[in-house]
Amino acid sequence: MCHVLIIEDDAIAAYDIRDTLRGEGATSFAFAATEREALACAREERPALITSDVMLGAGSGPAAVRVILSEIGPMPVIFITATPEQCAECGPYPILEKPFSTEQLAAAFRAVAPL
């Protein structure tokens, strides 16, 4: 079982991510559109993997990921963003640029997924 936290404020992108990762073996998902929601979701159920946008409507993905990892411990992260230049805080994790292809996301997931 692989529970994925998808931090993404665009619902269509979030569902595209979910559909791709479901096809790769992820079994459950939590969705967060804000930094605050991301923290609440991770505290409620520990994700095995996080995908995160960088710029959110409220807060930032890297800030949420940093707090989650400090509270819960290390886990794989994939950043998916239309603003890779804003990703100074994203390393050492993979960064996919929007628009991303299903194949790019699937390959990134397979490279880091704890399945």
Protein backbone atom coordinates (compact mmCIF):
# COMPACT_ATOMS: atom_id res chain seq x y z
CA MET A 1 0.00 0.00 0.00
CA CYS A 2 1.32 3.44 -0.93
CA HIS A 3 -0.49 6.48 0.42
CA VAL A 4 0.30 9.67 -1.52
CA LEU A 5 -0.22 13.25 -0.37
CA ILE A 6 -0.86 15.48 -3.39
CA ILE A 7 -0.24 19.13 -2.60
CA GLU A 8 -1.74 20.98 -5.54
CA ASP A 9 -4.14 23.94 -5.77
CA ASP A 10 -5.32 23.11 -9.30
CA ALA A 11 -7.95 20.37 -9.00
CA ILE A 12 -7.53 19.14 -12.57
CA ALA A 13 -3.76 18.78 -12.12
CA ALA A 14 -4.31 17.01 -8.79
CA TYR A 15 -6.64 14.46 -10.38
CA ASP A 16 -4.24 13.92 -13.29
CA ILE A 17 -1.47 13.21 -10.77
CA ARG A 18 -3.73 10.83 -8.86
CA ASP A 19 -4.76 8.96 -11.99
CA THR A 20 -1.17 8.51 -13.13
CA LEU A 21 0.07 7.37 -9.73
CA ARG A 22 -2.87 5.02 -9.26
CA GLY A 23 -1.84 3.39 -12.52
CA GLU A 24 1.67 2.99 -11.08
CA GLY A 25 0.49 1.25 -7.91
CA ALA A 26 -0.38 3.97 -5.41
CA THR A 27 -3.44 2.87 -3.47
CA SER A 28 -4.71 5.85 -1.51
CA PHE A 29 -4.53 9.62 -1.76
CA ALA A 30 -5.02 12.80 0.24
CA PHE A 31 -5.39 16.17 -1.45
CA ALA A 32 -4.30 19.55 -0.12
CA ALA A 33 -4.65 22.89 -1.88
CA THR A 34 -2.92 24.98 0.79
CA GLU A 35 0.08 24.69 3.07
CA ARG A 36 -2.20 24.37 6.09
CA GLU A 37 -4.26 21.59 4.50
CA ALA A 38 -1.07 19.72 3.57
CA LEU A 39 0.10 19.73 7.18
CA ALA A 40 -3.30 18.55 8.42
CA CYS A 41 -3.44 15.72 5.85
CA ALA A 42 0.07 14.50 6.68
CA ARG A 43 -0.66 14.58 10.40
CA GLU A 44 -3.89 12.65 9.90
CA GLU A 45 -2.31 9.88 7.80
CA ARG A 46 1.41 9.58 7.17
CA PRO A 47 2.07 9.61 3.44
CA ALA A 48 4.54 7.21 1.87
CA LEU A 49 5.24 9.81 -0.82
CA ILE A 50 4.45 13.48 -1.44
CA THR A 51 3.92 15.28 -4.72
CA SER A 52 3.91 19.04 -4.34
CA ASP A 53 3.37 22.14 -6.38
CA VAL A 54 5.63 25.04 -5.41
CA MET A 55 3.30 28.04 -5.51
CA LEU A 56 -0.01 27.49 -3.72
CA GLY A 57 -2.94 29.84 -3.30
CA ALA A 58 -2.10 29.99 0.42
CA GLY A 59 1.46 29.18 1.41
CA SER A 60 4.08 27.20 -0.46
CA GLY A 61 4.65 23.56 -1.22
CA PRO A 62 8.32 23.55 -0.18
CA ALA A 63 7.43 25.12 3.17
CA ALA A 64 4.75 22.48 3.79
CA VAL A 65 7.10 19.67 2.77
CA ARG A 66 9.85 21.00 5.05
CA VAL A 67 7.51 20.98 8.08
CA ILE A 68 6.06 17.56 7.22
CA LEU A 69 9.51 16.00 6.89
CA SER A 70 10.69 17.59 10.14
CA GLU A 71 7.64 16.29 12.02
CA ILE A 72 7.13 12.89 10.42
CA GLY A 73 10.54 11.95 9.06
CA PRO A 74 12.05 11.36 5.64
CA MET A 75 10.00 10.22 2.68
CA PRO A 76 10.17 10.58 -1.10
CA VAL A 77 9.00 13.87 -2.61
CA ILE A 78 8.36 14.91 -6.21
CA PHE A 79 7.88 18.60 -6.94
CA ILE A 80 5.63 19.46 -9.88
CA THR A 81 5.62 23.13 -10.82
CA ALA A 82 5.13 25.67 -13.57
CA THR A 83 7.76 27.83 -11.84
CA PRO A 84 10.91 25.71 -11.53
CA GLU A 85 12.92 28.91 -11.00
CA GLN A 86 11.08 29.20 -7.65
CA CYS A 87 12.35 25.77 -6.63
CA ALA A 88 15.55 26.74 -4.82
CA GLU A 89 14.18 24.98 -1.72
CA CYS A 90 13.17 21.83 -3.61
CA GLY A 91 16.45 19.93 -3.75
CA PRO A 92 17.45 17.15 -3.61
CA TYR A 93 14.06 15.98 -4.84
CA PRO A 94 12.99 15.48 -8.47
CA ILE A 95 11.33 18.48 -10.11
CA LEU A 96 8.87 18.07 -12.97
CA GLU A 97 7.90 21.13 -14.96
CA LYS A 98 4.26 21.74 -15.87
CA PRO A 99 2.91 20.76 -18.22
CA PHE A 100 4.28 17.32 -17.43
CA SER A 101 3.61 14.12 -19.33
CA THR A 102 2.14 11.00 -17.82
CA GLU A 103 5.35 9.20 -18.73
CA GLN A 104 7.53 11.77 -16.91
CA LEU A 105 5.47 11.51 -13.73
CA ALA A 106 5.30 7.72 -13.89
CA ALA A 107 9.08 7.48 -14.31
CA ALA A 108 9.72 9.88 -11.41
CA PHE A 109 7.31 7.91 -9.23
CA ARG A 110 8.91 4.57 -10.10
CA ALA A 111 12.34 6.02 -9.29
CA VAL A 112 11.39 7.05 -5.75
CA ALA A 113 8.23 5.14 -4.77
CA PRO A 114 8.35 2.96 -1.67
CA LEU A 115 6.34 0.12 -3.22
